[in-house]
Protein backbone atom coordinates (compact mmCIF):
# COMPACT_ATOMS: atom_id res chain seq x y z
CA LEU A 1 6.17 -24.71 -1.40
CA ILE A 2 2.69 -25.99 -1.20
CA SER A 3 1.31 -21.73 0.33
CA LEU A 4 3.30 -20.51 -3.28
CA ARG A 5 1.77 -23.60 -5.52
CA THR A 6 -1.23 -23.13 -4.52
CA ASN A 7 -1.22 -18.93 -4.34
CA ARG A 8 -2.36 -18.83 -0.30
CA ASN A 9 -0.92 -16.35 0.59
CA GLY A 10 -1.70 -14.38 -2.55
CA ASN A 11 1.67 -13.99 -4.29
CA GLY A 12 0.87 -14.65 -8.09
CA ARG A 13 -0.83 -17.73 -9.25
CA ALA A 14 2.43 -18.59 -11.39
CA LEU A 15 3.26 -21.84 -10.46
CA MET A 16 -0.35 -22.77 -11.04
CA THR A 17 0.00 -22.11 -14.95
CA GLN A 18 1.09 -24.43 -17.56
CA GLU A 19 3.95 -21.39 -18.97
CA PHE A 20 7.48 -22.61 -18.99
CA VAL A 21 10.21 -21.16 -20.32
CA VAL A 22 13.90 -21.59 -19.63
CA LEU A 23 16.12 -18.42 -19.36
CA HIS A 24 19.85 -19.63 -18.51
CA ALA A 25 20.75 -23.84 -18.61
CA ASN A 26 24.63 -23.81 -17.18
CA PHE A 27 25.76 -27.10 -18.45
CA ILE A 28 29.05 -27.03 -16.55
CA GLU A 29 27.73 -25.29 -13.46
CA LYS A 30 24.68 -27.19 -13.54
CA VAL A 31 22.59 -24.47 -12.53
CA LEU A 32 18.84 -23.34 -14.19
CA VAL A 33 17.07 -20.85 -14.61
CA PHE A 34 13.44 -20.69 -15.33
CA THR A 35 10.22 -19.05 -15.57
CA ARG A 36 6.48 -19.67 -14.77
CA GLY A 37 3.53 -18.40 -15.31
CA ASN A 38 2.02 -15.53 -17.21
CA GLU A 39 1.24 -11.91 -17.43
CA GLU A 40 -2.35 -12.54 -16.53
CA GLU A 41 -1.56 -14.60 -13.19
CA GLY A 42 1.95 -13.63 -12.45
CA ARG A 43 5.56 -14.59 -12.95
CA PHE A 44 7.85 -16.50 -10.65
CA VAL A 45 11.64 -16.75 -11.65
CA ILE A 46 12.98 -20.16 -10.59
CA VAL A 47 17.00 -20.36 -9.95
CA VAL A 48 18.22 -24.16 -9.03
CA ASN A 49 21.43 -25.24 -8.19
CA LEU A 50 22.15 -29.04 -8.96
CA THR A 51 25.01 -29.22 -7.25
CA ASN A 52 27.11 -29.27 -3.64
CA ARG A 53 28.47 -25.76 -4.59
CA VAL A 54 27.97 -22.59 -2.74
CA TRP A 55 27.45 -19.79 -5.26
CA SER A 56 28.28 -16.07 -3.32
CA ASP A 57 27.22 -13.99 -6.17
CA TYR A 58 25.62 -16.27 -9.35
CA ARG A 59 24.18 -13.59 -11.85
CA PHE A 60 21.48 -15.13 -13.79
CA PRO A 61 19.23 -13.53 -16.43
CA LEU A 62 15.90 -11.74 -15.65
CA PRO A 63 12.30 -10.68 -18.05
CA GLN A 64 12.07 -7.82 -16.68
CA GLY A 65 13.70 -4.65 -14.63
CA GLY A 66 12.51 -3.53 -10.94
CA GLU A 67 12.65 -5.54 -7.42
CA TRP A 68 12.81 -8.99 -7.22
CA ASN A 69 10.96 -10.62 -4.00
CA LEU A 70 12.52 -13.84 -2.96
CA LEU A 71 9.63 -16.00 -2.14
CA PHE A 72 11.25 -19.88 -1.22
CA LYS A 73 15.08 -20.80 -0.77
CA ALA A 74 15.24 -24.42 0.01
CA ASP A 75 18.82 -23.43 1.40
CA SER A 76 17.11 -21.79 4.43
CA SER A 77 18.66 -22.38 8.00
CA VAL A 78 14.99 -22.67 9.44
CA TYR A 79 15.51 -26.74 8.07
CA GLY A 80 18.37 -27.65 9.49
CA GLU A 81 22.13 -26.39 11.23
CA ASP A 82 23.94 -27.97 7.84
CA PHE A 83 21.32 -25.41 5.59
CA GLY A 84 21.79 -21.36 4.88
CA LEU A 85 25.15 -21.43 3.98
CA ALA A 86 24.58 -18.81 1.30
CA ASP A 87 23.40 -15.65 1.43
CA SER A 88 20.10 -15.38 -0.40
CA SER A 89 17.79 -12.55 -0.65
CA SER A 90 15.73 -10.07 -3.02
CA VAL A 91 17.34 -9.22 -6.43
CA LYS A 92 17.47 -5.63 -7.93
CA ALA A 93 17.55 -6.40 -11.60
CA GLU A 94 20.48 -4.20 -13.21
CA GLU A 95 20.21 -3.50 -17.03
CA SER A 96 23.25 -5.99 -17.92
CA PRO A 97 22.21 -8.03 -20.71
CA MET A 98 22.55 -11.45 -20.02
CA ASP A 99 21.71 -14.51 -22.24
CA GLY A 100 19.26 -12.86 -24.64
CA LEU A 101 17.43 -10.66 -21.95
CA PRO A 102 18.25 -6.94 -21.36
CA PHE A 103 18.60 -7.80 -17.03
CA SER A 104 20.16 -9.90 -15.00
CA GLY A 105 20.45 -9.93 -10.71
CA ALA A 106 22.47 -12.09 -8.55
CA THR A 107 22.39 -13.19 -5.76
CA GLY A 108 23.94 -16.13 -3.03
CA LEU A 109 23.15 -19.74 -4.04
CA GLY A 110 23.19 -22.39 -1.52
CA SER A 111 24.36 -26.31 -2.63
CA TYR A 112 21.48 -28.22 -3.93
CA ASP A 113 19.46 -25.05 -3.93
CA CYS A 114 16.17 -23.73 -4.95
CA LEU A 115 15.26 -20.23 -5.21
CA ILE A 116 12.02 -18.27 -5.96
CA PHE A 117 11.13 -14.66 -6.62
CA ALA A 118 8.64 -13.21 -7.65
CA ALA A 119 8.51 -8.84 -9.44
CA ALA A 120 7.60 -6.84 -6.66
CA SER A 121 4.71 -6.07 -8.48
CA ALA A 122 3.09 -9.19 -8.56
């Protein structure tokens, strides 16, 4: 996570900017989706699950089409045996409107998970 924040791997400077836009706030299921960054520095989509529910296929809006690469997963099995219950992966944006945006995608979402995606062109 620190590597992403400081752009050590060259994935984009999105987390170094102040830009923050909420794309989706599911108050019932307690899932928040937002972007960080801009066109110049790159844009990340962050998906946060604030409950212990595991989703096999959670759908969320995306700001643009194309492939979104998964850069970080907080519920990864590398952190312990109790983690990694959801199969999260990179997402292909589909022309399926959601929350006022023309694209959306779906992937697994673990309990108390945080996923960070970057557009493949970033």
